[in-house]
Amino acid sequence: MFKLNKKGQALVEYVLIIALITVVAVAGVKFLGGYIKDAITKTSCSIMDQEYVQSKNPGEGTCKVKELE
Protein backbone atom coordinates (compact mmCIF):
# COMPACT_ATOMS: atom_id res chain seq x y z
CA MET A 1 0.00 0.00 0.00
CA PHE A 2 0.90 3.65 0.30
CA LYS A 3 3.41 4.88 2.81
CA LEU A 4 2.20 8.16 4.34
CA ASN A 5 4.56 10.97 5.21
CA LYS A 6 3.54 12.20 8.68
CA LYS A 7 6.23 14.89 8.98
CA GLY A 8 4.06 17.42 7.15
CA GLN A 9 1.13 16.67 9.45
CA ALA A 10 3.22 17.42 12.54
CA LEU A 11 4.41 20.69 10.99
CA VAL A 12 0.82 21.79 10.34
CA GLU A 13 -0.12 20.95 13.94
CA TYR A 14 2.76 23.06 15.27
CA VAL A 15 1.76 25.98 13.04
CA LEU A 16 -1.84 25.77 14.30
CA ILE A 17 -0.68 25.73 17.93
CA ILE A 18 1.59 28.74 17.36
CA ALA A 19 -1.24 30.59 15.59
CA LEU A 20 -3.60 29.90 18.51
CA ILE A 21 -1.03 31.12 21.05
CA THR A 22 -0.47 34.25 18.97
CA VAL A 23 -4.18 35.04 18.79
CA VAL A 24 -4.56 34.60 22.56
CA ALA A 25 -1.50 36.79 23.24
CA VAL A 26 -2.70 39.57 20.95
CA ALA A 27 -6.18 39.48 22.50
CA GLY A 28 -4.67 39.62 26.00
CA VAL A 29 -2.50 42.62 25.18
CA LYS A 30 -5.42 44.34 23.45
CA PHE A 31 -7.64 43.77 26.50
CA LEU A 32 -5.06 44.49 29.22
CA GLY A 33 -2.78 46.88 27.32
CA GLY A 34 -4.01 50.08 28.99
CA TYR A 35 -3.65 48.61 32.46
CA ILE A 36 -0.14 47.38 31.67
CA LYS A 37 0.79 50.83 30.34
CA ASP A 38 -0.56 52.46 33.53
CA ALA A 39 1.49 50.12 35.71
CA ILE A 40 4.66 50.98 33.78
CA THR A 41 3.84 54.70 33.94
CA LYS A 42 3.29 54.53 37.72
CA THR A 43 6.65 52.83 38.14
CA SER A 44 8.47 55.35 35.97
CA CYS A 45 6.83 58.24 37.84
CA SER A 46 8.09 56.92 41.15
CA ILE A 47 11.58 56.39 39.73
CA MET A 48 11.67 60.00 38.45
CA ASP A 49 10.25 61.26 41.77
CA GLN A 50 7.11 62.57 40.11
CA GLU A 51 3.42 62.21 40.89
CA TYR A 52 1.19 59.87 38.89
CA VAL A 53 -2.02 61.48 37.57
CA GLN A 54 -4.74 58.96 36.79
CA SER A 55 -6.99 59.44 33.76
CA LYS A 56 -10.55 58.30 33.03
CA ASN A 57 -9.39 55.75 30.44
CA PRO A 58 -6.83 53.03 31.09
CA GLY A 59 -3.46 53.76 29.55
CA GLU A 60 -3.78 57.54 29.52
CA GLY A 61 -2.26 58.33 32.92
CA THR A 62 0.66 60.76 33.04
CA CYS A 63 3.44 61.94 35.32
CA LYS A 64 3.39 65.38 36.87
CA VAL A 65 6.21 67.18 38.63
CA LYS A 66 5.58 67.30 42.36
CA GLU A 67 4.87 70.74 43.74
CA LEU A 68 7.15 72.03 46.47
CA GLU A 69 5.54 72.15 49.88
PDB file of N, CA and C in Angstrom:
ATOM      1  N   MET A   1       0.828  -1.182   0.000  1.00  0.00           N
ATOM      2  CA  MET A   1       0.000   0.000   0.000  1.00  0.00           C
ATOM      3  C   MET A   1       0.875   1.249   0.000  1.00  0.00           C
ATOM      4  N   PHE A   2       0.214   2.356   0.302  1.00  0.00           N
ATOM      5  CA  PHE A   2       0.897   3.647   0.299  1.00  0.00           C
ATOM      6  C   PHE A   2       1.568   3.904   1.649  1.00  0.00           C
ATOM      7  N   LYS A   3       2.719   4.485   1.589  1.00  0.00           N
ATOM      8  CA  LYS A   3       3.413   4.880   2.813  1.00  0.00           C
ATOM      9  C   LYS A   3       3.194   6.383   2.998  1.00  0.00           C
ATOM     10  N   LEU A   4       2.542   6.757   4.111  1.00  0.00           N
ATOM     11  CA  LEU A   4       2.200   8.156   4.345  1.00  0.00           C
ATOM     12  C   LEU A   4       3.356   8.887   5.020  1.00  0.00           C
ATOM     13  N   ASN A   5       3.554  10.125   4.610  1.00  0.00           N
ATOM     14  CA  ASN A   5       4.565  10.973   5.212  1.00  0.00           C
ATOM     15  C   ASN A   5       3.892  11.800   6.302  1.00  0.00           C
ATOM     16  N   LYS A   6       4.200  11.525   7.561  1.00  0.00           N
ATOM     17  CA  LYS A   6       3.540  12.204   8.676  1.00  0.00           C
ATOM     18  C   LYS A   6       4.317  13.423   9.166  1.00  0.00           C
ATOM     19  N   LYS A   7       5.458  13.720   8.565  1.00  0.00           N
ATOM     20  CA  LYS A   7       6.225  14.894   8.982  1.00  0.00           C
ATOM     21  C   LYS A   7       5.473  16.175   8.662  1.00  0.00           C
ATOM     22  N   GLY A   8       4.829  16.245   7.531  1.00  0.00           N
ATOM     23  CA  GLY A   8       4.061  17.419   7.150  1.00  0.00           C
ATOM     24  C   GLY A   8       2.881  17.649   8.077  1.00  0.00           C
ATOM     25  N   GLN A   9       2.268  16.564   8.531  1.00  0.00           N
ATOM     26  CA  GLN A   9       1.132  16.674   9.450  1.00  0.00           C
ATOM     27  C   GLN A   9       1.581  17.284  10.776  1.00  0.00           C
ATOM     28  N   ALA A  10       2.711  16.884  11.283  1.00  0.00           N
ATOM     29  CA  ALA A  10       3.223  17.424  12.540  1.00  0.00           C
ATOM     30  C   ALA A  10       3.541  18.916  12.388  1.00  0.00           C
ATOM     31  N   LEU A  11       4.086  19.293  11.242  1.00  0.00           N
ATOM     32  CA  LEU A  11       4.409  20.694  10.994  1.00  0.00           C
ATOM     33  C   LEU A  11       3.146  21.545  10.999  1.00  0.00           C
ATOM     34  N   VAL A  12       2.091  21.068  10.370  1.00  0.00           N
ATOM     35  CA  VAL A  12       0.820  21.793  10.344  1.00  0.00           C
ATOM     36  C   VAL A  12       0.260  21.926  11.747  1.00  0.00           C
ATOM     37  N   GLU A  13       0.366  20.894  12.555  1.00  0.00           N
ATOM     38  CA  GLU A  13      -0.122  20.953  13.936  1.00  0.00           C
ATOM     39  C   GLU A  13       0.654  22.001  14.739  1.00  0.00           C
ATOM     40  N   TYR A  14       1.959  22.059  14.565  1.00  0.00           N
ATOM     41  CA  TYR A  14       2.760  23.064  15.272  1.00  0.00           C
ATOM     42  C   TYR A  14       2.382  24.474  14.836  1.00  0.00           C
ATOM     43  N   VAL A  15       2.150  24.664  13.546  1.00  0.00           N
ATOM     44  CA  VAL A  15       1.758  25.979  13.039  1.00  0.00           C
ATOM     45  C   VAL A  15       0.406  26.389  13.620  1.00  0.00           C
ATOM     46  N   LEU A  16      -0.529  25.463  13.717  1.00  0.00           N
ATOM     47  CA  LEU A  16      -1.841  25.767  14.296  1.00  0.00           C
ATOM     48  C   LEU A  16      -1.726  26.127  15.773  1.00  0.00           C
ATOM     49  N   ILE A  17      -0.883  25.429  16.502  1.00  0.00           N
ATOM     50  CA  ILE A  17      -0.684  25.728  17.927  1.00  0.00           C
ATOM     51  C   ILE A  17      -0.059  27.114  18.089  1.00  0.00           C
ATOM     52  N   ILE A  18       0.938  27.422  17.282  1.00  0.00           N
ATOM     53  CA  ILE A  18       1.585  28.738  17.357  1.00  0.00           C
ATOM     54  C   ILE A  18       0.600  29.838  16.987  1.00  0.00           C
ATOM     55  N   ALA A  19      -0.240  29.598  15.987  1.00  0.00           N
ATOM     56  CA  ALA A  19      -1.242  30.591  15.591  1.00  0.00           C
ATOM     57  C   ALA A  19      -2.240  30.827  16.714  1.00  0.00           C
ATOM     58  N   LEU A  20      -2.665  29.773  17.389  1.00  0.00           N
ATOM     59  CA  LEU A  20      -3.602  29.905  18.510  1.00  0.00           C
ATOM     60  C   LEU A  20      -2.977  30.693  19.659  1.00  0.00           C
ATOM     61  N   ILE A  21      -1.728  30.394  19.989  1.00  0.00           N
ATOM     62  CA  ILE A  21      -1.032  31.116  21.055  1.00  0.00           C
ATOM     63  C   ILE A  21      -0.895  32.591  20.687  1.00  0.00           C
ATOM     64  N   THR A  22      -0.606  32.871  19.425  1.00  0.00           N
ATOM     65  CA  THR A  22      -0.467  34.252  18.967  1.00  0.00           C
ATOM     66  C   THR A  22      -1.779  35.014  19.089  1.00  0.00           C
ATOM     67  N   VAL A  23      -2.875  34.391  18.698  1.00  0.00           N
ATOM     68  CA  VAL A  23      -4.182  35.044  18.794  1.00  0.00           C
ATOM     69  C   VAL A  23      -4.530  35.336  20.246  1.00  0.00           C
ATOM     70  N   VAL A  24      -4.274  34.397  21.135  1.00  0.00           N
ATOM     71  CA  VAL A  24      -4.558  34.599  22.559  1.00  0.00           C
ATOM     72  C   VAL A  24      -3.680  35.713  23.122  1.00  0.00           C
ATOM     73  N   ALA A  25      -2.394  35.754  22.743  1.00  0.00           N
ATOM     74  CA  ALA A  25      -1.496  36.790  23.245  1.00  0.00           C
ATOM     75  C   ALA A  25      -1.913  38.173  22.748  1.00  0.00           C
ATOM     76  N   VAL A  26      -2.279  38.282  21.494  1.00  0.00           N
ATOM     77  CA  VAL A  26      -2.703  39.571  20.949  1.00  0.00           C
ATOM     78  C   VAL A  26      -3.993  40.035  21.620  1.00  0.00           C
ATOM     79  N   ALA A  27      -4.927  39.119  21.829  1.00  0.00           N
ATOM     80  CA  ALA A  27      -6.184  39.480  22.501  1.00  0.00           C
ATOM     81  C   ALA A  27      -5.922  39.924  23.939  1.00  0.00           C
ATOM     82  N   GLY A  28      -5.005  39.249  24.626  1.00  0.00           N
ATOM     83  CA  GLY A  28      -4.667  39.620  25.997  1.00  0.00           C
ATOM     84  C   GLY A  28      -4.044  40.998  26.083  1.00  0.00           C
ATOM     85  N   VAL A  29      -3.132  41.294  25.175  1.00  0.00           N
ATOM     86  CA  VAL A  29      -2.498  42.617  25.176  1.00  0.00           C
ATOM     87  C   VAL A  29      -3.516  43.687  24.798  1.00  0.00           C
ATOM     88  N   LYS A  30      -4.392  43.374  23.857  1.00  0.00           N
ATOM     89  CA  LYS A  30      -5.420  44.341  23.453  1.00  0.00           C
ATOM     90  C   LYS A  30      -6.359  44.636  24.625  1.00  0.00           C
ATOM     91  N   PHE A  31      -6.713  43.609  25.379  1.00  0.00           N
ATOM     92  CA  PHE A  31      -7.643  43.769  26.503  1.00  0.00           C
ATOM     93  C   PHE A  31      -6.974  44.419  27.711  1.00  0.00           C
ATOM     94  N   LEU A  32      -5.749  44.019  28.019  1.00  0.00           N
ATOM     95  CA  LEU A  32      -5.058  44.493  29.222  1.00  0.00           C
ATOM     96  C   LEU A  32      -3.999  45.552  28.942  1.00  0.00           C
ATOM     97  N   GLY A  33      -3.851  45.967  27.704  1.00  0.00           N
ATOM     98  CA  GLY A  33      -2.778  46.882  27.318  1.00  0.00           C
ATOM     99  C   GLY A  33      -2.769  48.187  28.090  1.00  0.00           C
ATOM    100  N   GLY A  34      -3.938  48.812  28.276  1.00  0.00           N
ATOM    101  CA  GLY A  34      -4.007  50.080  28.995  1.00  0.00           C
ATOM    102  C   GLY A  34      -3.593  49.938  30.441  1.00  0.00           C
ATOM    103  N   TYR A  35      -3.995  48.842  31.060  1.00  0.00           N
ATOM    104  CA  TYR A  35      -3.646  48.608  32.459  1.00  0.00           C
ATOM    105  C   TYR A  35      -2.141  48.344  32.614  1.00  0.00           C
ATOM    106  N   ILE A  36      -1.578  47.637  31.649  1.00  0.00           N
ATOM    107  CA  ILE A  36      -0.137  47.380  31.674  1.00  0.00           C
ATOM    108  C   ILE A  36       0.621  48.695  31.492  1.00  0.00           C
ATOM    109  N   LYS A  37       0.144  49.532  30.571  1.00  0.00           N
ATOM    110  CA  LYS A  37       0.790  50.829  30.336  1.00  0.00           C
ATOM    111  C   LYS A  37       0.715  51.695  31.588  1.00  0.00           C
ATOM    112  N   ASP A  38      -0.436  51.692  32.285  1.00  0.00           N
ATOM    113  CA  ASP A  38      -0.564  52.460  33.526  1.00  0.00           C
ATOM    114  C   ASP A  38       0.404  51.968  34.594  1.00  0.00           C
ATOM    115  N   ALA A  39       0.563  50.668  34.709  1.00  0.00           N
ATOM    116  CA  ALA A  39       1.492  50.119  35.706  1.00  0.00           C
ATOM    117  C   ALA A  39       2.925  50.558  35.410  1.00  0.00           C
ATOM    118  N   ILE A  40       3.309  50.547  34.150  1.00  0.00           N
ATOM    119  CA  ILE A  40       4.655  50.979  33.778  1.00  0.00           C
ATOM    120  C   ILE A  40       4.821  52.473  34.024  1.00  0.00           C
ATOM    121  N   THR A  41       3.774  53.256  33.712  1.00  0.00           N
ATOM    122  CA  THR A  41       3.843  54.702  33.939  1.00  0.00           C
ATOM    123  C   THR A  41       3.957  55.019  35.425  1.00  0.00           C
ATOM    124  N   LYS A  42       3.202  54.316  36.271  1.00  0.00           N
ATOM    125  CA  LYS A  42       3.294  54.530  37.723  1.00  0.00           C
ATOM    126  C   LYS A  42       4.711  54.261  38.216  1.00  0.00           C
ATOM    127  N   THR A  43       5.288  53.177  37.732  1.00  0.00           N
ATOM    128  CA  THR A  43       6.649  52.826  38.144  1.00  0.00           C
ATOM    129  C   THR A  43       7.648  53.883  37.698  1.00  0.00           C
ATOM    130  N   SER A  44       7.519  54.337  36.452  1.00  0.00           N
ATOM    131  CA  SER A  44       8.472  55.346  35.966  1.00  0.00           C
ATOM    132  C   SER A  44       8.284  56.678  36.687  1.00  0.00           C
ATOM    133  N   CYS A  45       7.048  57.017  37.076  1.00  0.00           N
ATOM    134  CA  CYS A  45       6.826  58.243  37.840  1.00  0.00           C
ATOM    135  C   CYS A  45       7.545  58.182  39.186  1.00  0.00           C
ATOM    136  N   SER A  46       7.438  57.035  39.844  1.00  0.00           N
ATOM    137  CA  SER A  46       8.092  56.920  41.150  1.00  0.00           C
ATOM    138  C   SER A  46       9.609  56.930  41.012  1.00  0.00           C
ATOM    139  N   ILE A  47      10.135  56.381  39.946  1.00  0.00           N
ATOM    140  CA  ILE A  47      11.584  56.394  39.727  1.00  0.00           C
ATOM    141  C   ILE A  47      12.069  57.817  39.484  1.00  0.00           C
ATOM    142  N   MET A  48      11.280  58.615  38.757  1.00  0.00           N
ATOM    143  CA  MET A  48      11.671  59.996  38.448  1.00  0.00           C
ATOM    144  C   MET A  48      11.239  60.970  39.536  1.00  0.00           C
ATOM    145  N   ASP A  49      10.714  60.456  40.646  1.00  0.00           N
ATOM    146  CA  ASP A  49      10.255  61.262  41.771  1.00  0.00           C
ATOM    147  C   ASP A  49       9.189  62.275  41.322  1.00  0.00           C
ATOM    148  N   GLN A  50       8.226  61.760  40.553  1.00  0.00           N
ATOM    149  CA  GLN A  50       7.109  62.572  40.112  1.00  0.00           C
ATOM    150  C   GLN A  50       5.806  61.940  40.597  1.00  0.00           C
ATOM    151  N   GLU A  51       4.724  62.661  40.427  1.00  0.00           N
ATOM    152  CA  GLU A  51       3.418  62.215  40.890  1.00  0.00           C
ATOM    153  C   GLU A  51       2.637  61.639  39.713  1.00  0.00           C
ATOM    154  N   TYR A  52       2.001  60.491  39.926  1.00  0.00           N
ATOM    155  CA  TYR A  52       1.186  59.869  38.886  1.00  0.00           C
ATOM    156  C   TYR A  52      -0.205  60.492  38.887  1.00  0.00           C
ATOM    157  N   VAL A  53      -0.688  60.903  37.721  1.00  0.00           N
ATOM    158  CA  VAL A  53      -2.016  61.484  37.574  1.00  0.00           C
ATOM    159  C   VAL A  53      -2.860  60.500  36.780  1.00  0.00           C
ATOM    160  N   GLN A  54      -3.885  59.957  37.427  1.00  0.00           N
ATOM    161  CA  GLN A  54      -4.739  58.955  36.789  1.00  0.00           C
ATOM    162  C   GLN A  54      -5.729  59.624  35.837  1.00  0.00           C
ATOM    163  N   SER A  55      -6.052  58.946  34.749  1.00  0.00           N
ATOM    164  CA  SER A  55      -6.992  59.445  33.755  1.00  0.00           C
ATOM    165  C   SER A  55      -8.268  58.611  33.802  1.00  0.00           C
ATOM    166  N   LYS A  56      -9.291  59.054  33.083  1.00  0.00           N
ATOM    167  CA  LYS A  56     -10.545  58.301  33.026  1.00  0.00           C
ATOM    168  C   LYS A  56     -10.352  56.961  32.324  1.00  0.00           C
ATOM    169  N   ASN A  57      -9.593  56.966  31.246  1.00  0.00           N
ATOM    170  CA  ASN A  57      -9.394  55.754  30.445  1.00  0.00           C
ATOM    171  C   ASN A  57      -8.081  55.074  30.805  1.00  0.00           C
ATOM    172  N   PRO A  58      -8.080  53.752  30.816  1.00  0.00           N
ATOM    173  CA  PRO A  58      -6.829  53.029  31.091  1.00  0.00           C
ATOM    174  C   PRO A  58      -5.779  53.321  30.025  1.00  0.00           C
ATOM    175  N   GLY A  59      -4.562  53.530  30.461  1.00  0.00           N
ATOM    176  CA  GLY A  59      -3.460  53.755  29.547  1.00  0.00           C
ATOM    177  C   GLY A  59      -3.191  55.209  29.238  1.00  0.00           C
ATOM    178  N   GLU A  60      -3.966  56.118  29.806  1.00  0.00           N
ATOM    179  CA  GLU A  60      -3.776  57.542  29.519  1.00  0.00           C
ATOM    180  C   GLU A  60      -3.245  58.323  30.709  1.00  0.00           C
ATOM    181  N   GLY A  61      -2.821  57.651  31.760  1.00  0.00           N
ATOM    182  CA  GLY A  61      -2.258  58.328  32.922  1.00  0.00           C
ATOM    183  C   GLY A  61      -0.930  58.975  32.575  1.00  0.00           C
ATOM    184  N   THR A  62      -0.581  60.028  33.323  1.00  0.00           N
ATOM    185  CA  THR A  62       0.662  60.759  33.045  1.00  0.00           C
ATOM    186  C   THR A  62       1.409  61.038  34.340  1.00  0.00           C
ATOM    187  N   CYS A  63       2.631  61.499  34.185  1.00  0.00           N
ATOM    188  CA  CYS A  63       3.439  61.937  35.319  1.00  0.00           C
ATOM    189  C   CYS A  63       3.385  63.447  35.409  1.00  0.00           C
ATOM    190  N   LYS A  64       3.425  63.943  36.633  1.00  0.00           N
ATOM    191  CA  LYS A  64       3.390  65.381  36.874  1.00  0.00           C
ATOM    192  C   LYS A  64       4.461  65.691  37.905  1.00  0.00           C
ATOM    193  N   VAL A  65       5.158  66.779  37.695  1.00  0.00           N
ATOM    194  CA  VAL A  65       6.213  67.183  38.633  1.00  0.00           C
ATOM    195  C   VAL A  65       5.549  67.542  39.957  1.00  0.00           C
ATOM    196  N   LYS A  66       6.122  67.016  41.039  1.00  0.00           N
ATOM    197  CA  LYS A  66       5.577  67.301  42.364  1.00  0.00           C
ATOM    198  C   LYS A  66       5.787  68.760  42.710  1.00  0.00           C
ATOM    199  N   GLU A  67       4.759  69.357  43.321  1.00  0.00           N
ATOM    200  CA  GLU A  67       4.873  70.742  43.738  1.00  0.00           C
ATOM    201  C   GLU A  67       5.620  70.805  45.062  1.00  0.00           C
ATOM    202  N   LEU A  68       6.399  71.857  45.226  1.00  0.00           N
ATOM    203  CA  LEU A  68       7.153  72.028  46.473  1.00  0.00           C
ATOM    204  C   LEU A  68       6.200  72.424  47.593  1.00  0.00           C
ATOM    205  N   GLU A  69       6.420  71.875  48.750  1.00  0.00           N
ATOM    206  CA  GLU A  69       5.544  72.154  49.880  1.00  0.00           C
ATOM    207  C   GLU A  69       5.996  73.356  50.661  1.00  0.00           C
TER     208      GLU A  69
END
